[in-house]
Every structure is written in structure tokens, then in C-alpha cells.
């Protein structure tokens, strides 16, 4: 059986299966979460973050925008039943207020690469980071990795939000 519950991001969750004295609970990688078999058991926000799925394409519902999905498999060995529990950690949109790059000036020779690191403010923004170059014939950028193609000047820009 599959269950889905929604909680505000940063919540603590207490899980209990009625009429079960012992539970085996594992994450998506089959690592046990409550090795002592406690029922009920509580997971802190930090513990839930470790259960977030990186690929939500197989989730049996449409997650809301900006949510993260924590997954666990709960087995009641007494009854031989297994439950798939999806906890949707929802949050409101948080607009980016700024982007800071670790380097302001680069000097590269043709075919050299370097990685720029962008720090987005606030850290919990829901906006995505986008990289652009002013002249793709001189330098390219993908995920912060800048590659010089030929001699010249190009401006690399990191933008987050509108």
C-alpha cells in the first residue's frame, strides 16, 4: 500500500502503525532507519532531509512546486505487510536576492577551463541559477565551468531569479 502526506518543510514527523509492536523502516536504498524497530518513531527535519529522493519521476503523485519528497518503506513483520510512505515536504517560494561569484576576473588561454562558484542568497532560495556568456565564440560556460575558445573578452554572468 502507498501513503502520501504533506508537511511544511523543516517539520518533524512521528510515524506510527496501529496494532504493530515492531517495524522495519528503510529508505530508498534499503538502509534501515529505525534499527531498533520502534513504533511509533520520530524523524527530525535533518533526518527527513537524508530521505529526500533525487529522482521523483516514479513518485505516484504530482509533487507541488518547490517540494521535496522523503520516501520510506515500512514493514510490519508480524502481519507481513509493507507500506510505501511518501512525505512531501512543502515550502513557499523564496526569491533570490543576490549572487556572489568566487572570482570577479578570469584570464584564460584558449582551451583552458576553470570553475566559477556562485553563492546564491538567501541559501534557501527556490530560484534556479542560470549561467550565460556574452560571446560564445570566445568562451562558453556550463554549470559554472568556463572554457576559453579563443583570445578575446567575454563576460560570464550568473543570474538567479528575475
C-alpha atoms as a PDB file:
ATOM      1  CA  UNK A   1       0.000   0.000   0.000  1.00  0.00           C
ATOM      2  CA  UNK A   2       1.113   3.551  -0.684  1.00  0.00           C
ATOM      3  CA  UNK A   3       0.565   6.570   1.529  1.00  0.00           C
ATOM      4  CA  UNK A   4       1.236  10.234   0.892  1.00  0.00           C
ATOM      5  CA  UNK A   5       1.305  13.021   3.474  1.00  0.00           C
ATOM      6  CA  UNK A   6       2.295  16.670   3.156  1.00  0.00           C
ATOM      7  CA  UNK A   7       4.174  18.577   5.856  1.00  0.00           C
ATOM      8  CA  UNK A   8       5.745  22.029   5.977  1.00  0.00           C
ATOM      9  CA  UNK A   9       9.445  21.987   5.092  1.00  0.00           C
ATOM     10  CA  UNK A  10      11.547  21.678   8.255  1.00  0.00           C
ATOM     11  CA  UNK A  11       8.932  19.669  10.161  1.00  0.00           C
ATOM     12  CA  UNK A  12       9.498  16.714  12.463  1.00  0.00           C
ATOM     13  CA  UNK A  13       7.433  13.614  11.637  1.00  0.00           C
ATOM     14  CA  UNK A  14       6.190  10.933  14.010  1.00  0.00           C
ATOM     15  CA  UNK A  15       5.151   7.725  12.269  1.00  0.00           C
ATOM     16  CA  UNK A  16       3.011   5.056  13.911  1.00  0.00           C
ATOM     17  CA  UNK A  17       1.355   1.922  12.558  1.00  0.00           C
ATOM     18  CA  UNK A  18      -1.640   0.878  14.651  1.00  0.00           C
ATOM     19  CA  UNK A  19      -1.542  -2.632  16.151  1.00  0.00           C
ATOM     20  CA  UNK A  20       2.133  -3.117  15.273  1.00  0.00           C
ATOM     21  CA  UNK A  21       4.673  -3.723  18.004  1.00  0.00           C
ATOM     22  CA  UNK A  22       7.742  -3.789  15.759  1.00  0.00           C
ATOM     23  CA  UNK A  23       8.506  -2.008  12.483  1.00  0.00           C
ATOM     24  CA  UNK A  24      11.320  -2.325   9.973  1.00  0.00           C
ATOM     25  CA  UNK A  25      11.740   1.013   8.208  1.00  0.00           C
ATOM     26  CA  UNK A  26      14.152   1.592   5.334  1.00  0.00           C
ATOM     27  CA  UNK A  27      14.972   4.346   2.856  1.00  0.00           C
ATOM     28  CA  UNK A  28      15.011   4.133  -0.958  1.00  0.00           C
ATOM     29  CA  UNK A  29      18.458   2.471  -0.811  1.00  0.00           C
ATOM     30  CA  UNK A  30      17.231  -0.204   1.658  1.00  0.00           C
ATOM     31  CA  UNK A  31      19.171   1.291   4.575  1.00  0.00           C
ATOM     32  CA  UNK A  32      17.359   0.795   7.871  1.00  0.00           C
ATOM     33  CA  UNK A  33      16.186   3.989   9.531  1.00  0.00           C
ATOM     34  CA  UNK A  34      14.885   2.697  12.876  1.00  0.00           C
ATOM     35  CA  UNK A  35      17.127  -0.273  13.597  1.00  0.00           C
ATOM     36  CA  UNK A  36      15.552  -0.839  16.997  1.00  0.00           C
ATOM     37  CA  UNK A  37      12.156  -1.394  15.362  1.00  0.00           C
ATOM     38  CA  UNK A  38      10.397   1.311  17.394  1.00  0.00           C
ATOM     39  CA  UNK A  39       6.710   2.030  16.809  1.00  0.00           C
ATOM     40  CA  UNK A  40       5.974   4.919  16.904  1.00  0.00           C
ATOM     41  CA  UNK A  41       9.205   6.593  15.830  1.00  0.00           C
ATOM     42  CA  UNK A  42      10.103  10.213  15.183  1.00  0.00           C
ATOM     43  CA  UNK A  43      12.278  11.667  12.446  1.00  0.00           C
ATOM     44  CA  UNK A  44      13.725  15.159  12.776  1.00  0.00           C
ATOM     45  CA  UNK A  45      13.850  17.591   9.862  1.00  0.00           C
ATOM     46  CA  UNK A  46      17.554  16.774   9.389  1.00  0.00           C
ATOM     47  CA  UNK A  47      16.808  13.030   9.299  1.00  0.00           C
ATOM     48  CA  UNK A  48      13.991  13.586   6.788  1.00  0.00           C
ATOM     49  CA  UNK A  49      16.325  15.572   4.516  1.00  0.00           C
ATOM     50  CA  UNK A  50      18.528  12.469   4.242  1.00  0.00           C
ATOM     51  CA  UNK A  51      15.499  10.609   2.846  1.00  0.00           C
ATOM     52  CA  UNK A  52      14.821  13.072   0.015  1.00  0.00           C
ATOM     53  CA  UNK A  53      14.552  11.432  -3.399  1.00  0.00           C
ATOM     54  CA  UNK A  54      16.795  12.873  -6.094  1.00  0.00           C
ATOM     55  CA  UNK A  55      14.564  11.460  -8.842  1.00  0.00           C
ATOM     56  CA  UNK A  56      10.839  11.949  -8.286  1.00  0.00           C
ATOM     57  CA  UNK A  57       9.729  10.559 -11.661  1.00  0.00           C
ATOM     58  CA  UNK A  58       8.485   7.345 -10.026  1.00  0.00           C
ATOM     59  CA  UNK A  59       6.534   9.091  -7.251  1.00  0.00           C
ATOM     60  CA  UNK A  60       2.855   8.034  -7.556  1.00  0.00           C
ATOM     61  CA  UNK A  61       1.530  11.611  -7.329  1.00  0.00           C
ATOM     62  CA  UNK A  62       2.377  15.031  -8.740  1.00  0.00           C
ATOM     63  CA  UNK A  63       4.559  16.861  -6.213  1.00  0.00           C
ATOM     64  CA  UNK A  64       3.824  20.540  -5.696  1.00  0.00           C
ATOM     65  CA  UNK A  65       6.323  23.086  -6.946  1.00  0.00           C
ATOM     66  CA  UNK A  66       9.319  23.590  -4.615  1.00  0.00           C
ATOM     67  CA  UNK A  67       8.515  20.499  -2.536  1.00  0.00           C
ATOM     68  CA  UNK A  68      10.953  17.731  -1.641  1.00  0.00           C
ATOM     69  CA  UNK A  69       9.850  14.109  -1.299  1.00  0.00           C
ATOM     70  CA  UNK A  70      11.080  11.902   1.543  1.00  0.00           C
ATOM     71  CA  UNK A  71      10.481   8.183   0.989  1.00  0.00           C
ATOM     72  CA  UNK A  72      10.484   5.247   3.360  1.00  0.00           C
ATOM     73  CA  UNK A  73       9.362   1.642   3.204  1.00  0.00           C
ATOM     74  CA  UNK A  74       7.647   0.445   6.385  1.00  0.00           C
ATOM     75  CA  UNK A  75       7.336  -3.274   7.023  1.00  0.00           C
ATOM     76  CA  UNK A  76       5.227  -4.822   9.764  1.00  0.00           C
ATOM     77  CA  UNK A  77       6.858  -8.275  10.109  1.00  0.00           C
ATOM     78  CA  UNK A  78       4.041  -9.535  12.348  1.00  0.00           C
ATOM     79  CA  UNK A  79       1.453  -9.119   9.586  1.00  0.00           C
ATOM     80  CA  UNK A  80       3.887  -9.396   6.675  1.00  0.00           C
ATOM     81  CA  UNK A  81       2.608  -6.103   5.284  1.00  0.00           C
ATOM     82  CA  UNK A  82       4.680  -3.373   3.662  1.00  0.00           C
ATOM     83  CA  UNK A  83       3.758   0.280   3.201  1.00  0.00           C
ATOM     84  CA  UNK A  84       5.401   2.856   0.938  1.00  0.00           C
ATOM     85  CA  UNK A  85       5.273   6.233   2.666  1.00  0.00           C
ATOM     86  CA  UNK A  86       5.933   9.424   0.723  1.00  0.00           C
ATOM     87  CA  UNK A  87       6.271  12.554   2.844  1.00  0.00           C
ATOM     88  CA  UNK A  88       6.010  15.674   0.740  1.00  0.00           C
ATOM     89  CA  UNK A  89       7.896  18.483   2.429  1.00  0.00           C
ATOM     90  CA  UNK A  90       6.266  21.636   1.057  1.00  0.00           C
ATOM     91  CA  UNK A  91       7.598  25.159   1.130  1.00  0.00           C
ATOM     92  CA  UNK A  92       6.740  28.572  -0.205  1.00  0.00           C
ATOM     93  CA  UNK A  93       8.692  30.236  -2.981  1.00  0.00           C
ATOM     94  CA  UNK A  94      11.762  32.098  -1.714  1.00  0.00           C
ATOM     95  CA  UNK A  95      13.105  34.670  -4.166  1.00  0.00           C
ATOM     96  CA  UNK A  96      16.835  35.064  -4.664  1.00  0.00           C
ATOM     97  CA  UNK A  97      18.215  38.401  -3.530  1.00  0.00           C
ATOM     98  CA  UNK A  98      21.728  38.121  -4.913  1.00  0.00           C
ATOM     99  CA  UNK A  99      24.526  36.059  -6.415  1.00  0.00           C
ATOM    100  CA  UNK A 100      28.168  36.286  -5.343  1.00  0.00           C
ATOM    101  CA  UNK A 101      30.919  34.751  -7.502  1.00  0.00           C
ATOM    102  CA  UNK A 102      34.164  33.465  -6.009  1.00  0.00           C
ATOM    103  CA  UNK A 103      36.153  35.272  -8.768  1.00  0.00           C
ATOM    104  CA  UNK A 104      35.442  38.611 -10.434  1.00  0.00           C
ATOM    105  CA  UNK A 105      38.098  38.397 -13.164  1.00  0.00           C
ATOM    106  CA  UNK A 106      39.384  35.409 -15.138  1.00  0.00           C
ATOM    107  CA  UNK A 107      42.285  35.208 -17.538  1.00  0.00           C
ATOM    108  CA  UNK A 108      42.358  32.026 -19.599  1.00  0.00           C
ATOM    109  CA  UNK A 109      44.268  30.892 -22.646  1.00  0.00           C
ATOM    110  CA  UNK A 110      42.429  29.080 -25.470  1.00  0.00           C
ATOM    111  CA  UNK A 111      41.303  25.564 -24.404  1.00  0.00           C
ATOM    112  CA  UNK A 112      41.807  26.288 -20.679  1.00  0.00           C
ATOM    113  CA  UNK A 113      38.945  25.790 -18.244  1.00  0.00           C
ATOM    114  CA  UNK A 114      38.156  26.924 -14.736  1.00  0.00           C
ATOM    115  CA  UNK A 115      35.215  26.554 -12.394  1.00  0.00           C
ATOM    116  CA  UNK A 116      33.353  29.543 -11.004  1.00  0.00           C
ATOM    117  CA  UNK A 117      31.476  29.030  -7.757  1.00  0.00           C
ATOM    118  CA  UNK A 118      28.297  31.026  -7.246  1.00  0.00           C
ATOM    119  CA  UNK A 119      26.823  31.621  -3.794  1.00  0.00           C
ATOM    120  CA  UNK A 120      23.124  32.419  -4.026  1.00  0.00           C
ATOM    121  CA  UNK A 121      21.391  34.481  -1.355  1.00  0.00           C
ATOM    122  CA  UNK A 122      19.425  33.518   0.567  1.00  0.00           C
ATOM    123  CA  UNK A 123      20.688  29.929   0.753  1.00  0.00           C
ATOM    124  CA  UNK A 124      17.128  28.556   0.845  1.00  0.00           C
ATOM    125  CA  UNK A 125      16.020  30.237  -2.383  1.00  0.00           C
ATOM    126  CA  UNK A 126      13.720  28.285  -4.649  1.00  0.00           C
ATOM    127  CA  UNK A 127      15.014  30.141  -7.727  1.00  0.00           C
ATOM    128  CA  UNK A 128      17.342  28.406 -10.187  1.00  0.00           C
ATOM    129  CA  UNK A 129      20.827  29.564 -11.110  1.00  0.00           C
ATOM    130  CA  UNK A 130      21.499  30.259 -14.810  1.00  0.00           C
ATOM    131  CA  UNK A 131      24.871  30.888 -16.460  1.00  0.00           C
ATOM    132  CA  UNK A 132      25.405  32.915 -19.644  1.00  0.00           C
ATOM    133  CA  UNK A 133      28.291  34.187 -21.752  1.00  0.00           C
ATOM    134  CA  UNK A 134      28.342  37.433 -23.702  1.00  0.00           C
ATOM    135  CA  UNK A 135      30.230  35.798 -26.581  1.00  0.00           C
ATOM    136  CA  UNK A 136      30.058  32.020 -27.040  1.00  0.00           C
ATOM    137  CA  UNK A 137      32.723  32.185 -29.761  1.00  0.00           C
ATOM    138  CA  UNK A 138      35.266  33.353 -27.152  1.00  0.00           C
ATOM    139  CA  UNK A 139      34.192  31.473 -24.006  1.00  0.00           C
ATOM    140  CA  UNK A 140      31.484  29.001 -23.033  1.00  0.00           C
ATOM    141  CA  UNK A 141      30.007  28.311 -19.613  1.00  0.00           C
ATOM    142  CA  UNK A 142      28.045  25.340 -18.327  1.00  0.00           C
ATOM    143  CA  UNK A 143      27.184  24.909 -14.641  1.00  0.00           C
ATOM    144  CA  UNK A 144      29.940  27.385 -13.763  1.00  0.00           C
ATOM    145  CA  UNK A 145      32.668  25.680 -15.809  1.00  0.00           C
ATOM    146  CA  UNK A 146      34.175  28.292 -18.129  1.00  0.00           C
ATOM    147  CA  UNK A 147      36.106  27.201 -21.220  1.00  0.00           C
ATOM    148  CA  UNK A 148      38.137  29.681 -23.276  1.00  0.00           C
ATOM    149  CA  UNK A 149      37.854  29.007 -27.010  1.00  0.00           C
ATOM    150  CA  UNK A 150      39.984  31.808 -28.442  1.00  0.00           C
ATOM    151  CA  UNK A 151      41.643  35.079 -27.479  1.00  0.00           C
ATOM    152  CA  UNK A 152      39.201  37.867 -26.692  1.00  0.00           C
ATOM    153  CA  UNK A 153      36.916  39.185 -23.981  1.00  0.00           C
ATOM    154  CA  UNK A 154      33.652  37.651 -22.829  1.00  0.00           C
ATOM    155  CA  UNK A 155      31.524  38.383 -19.780  1.00  0.00           C
ATOM    156  CA  UNK A 156      30.298  35.371 -17.823  1.00  0.00           C
ATOM    157  CA  UNK A 157      27.125  36.043 -15.855  1.00  0.00           C
ATOM    158  CA  UNK A 158      25.357  34.042 -13.147  1.00  0.00           C
ATOM    159  CA  UNK A 159      21.719  35.005 -12.594  1.00  0.00           C
ATOM    160  CA  UNK A 160      19.253  33.638 -10.080  1.00  0.00           C
ATOM    161  CA  UNK A 161      15.637  34.741 -10.085  1.00  0.00           C
ATOM    162  CA  UNK A 162      14.149  37.591 -12.041  1.00  0.00           C
END
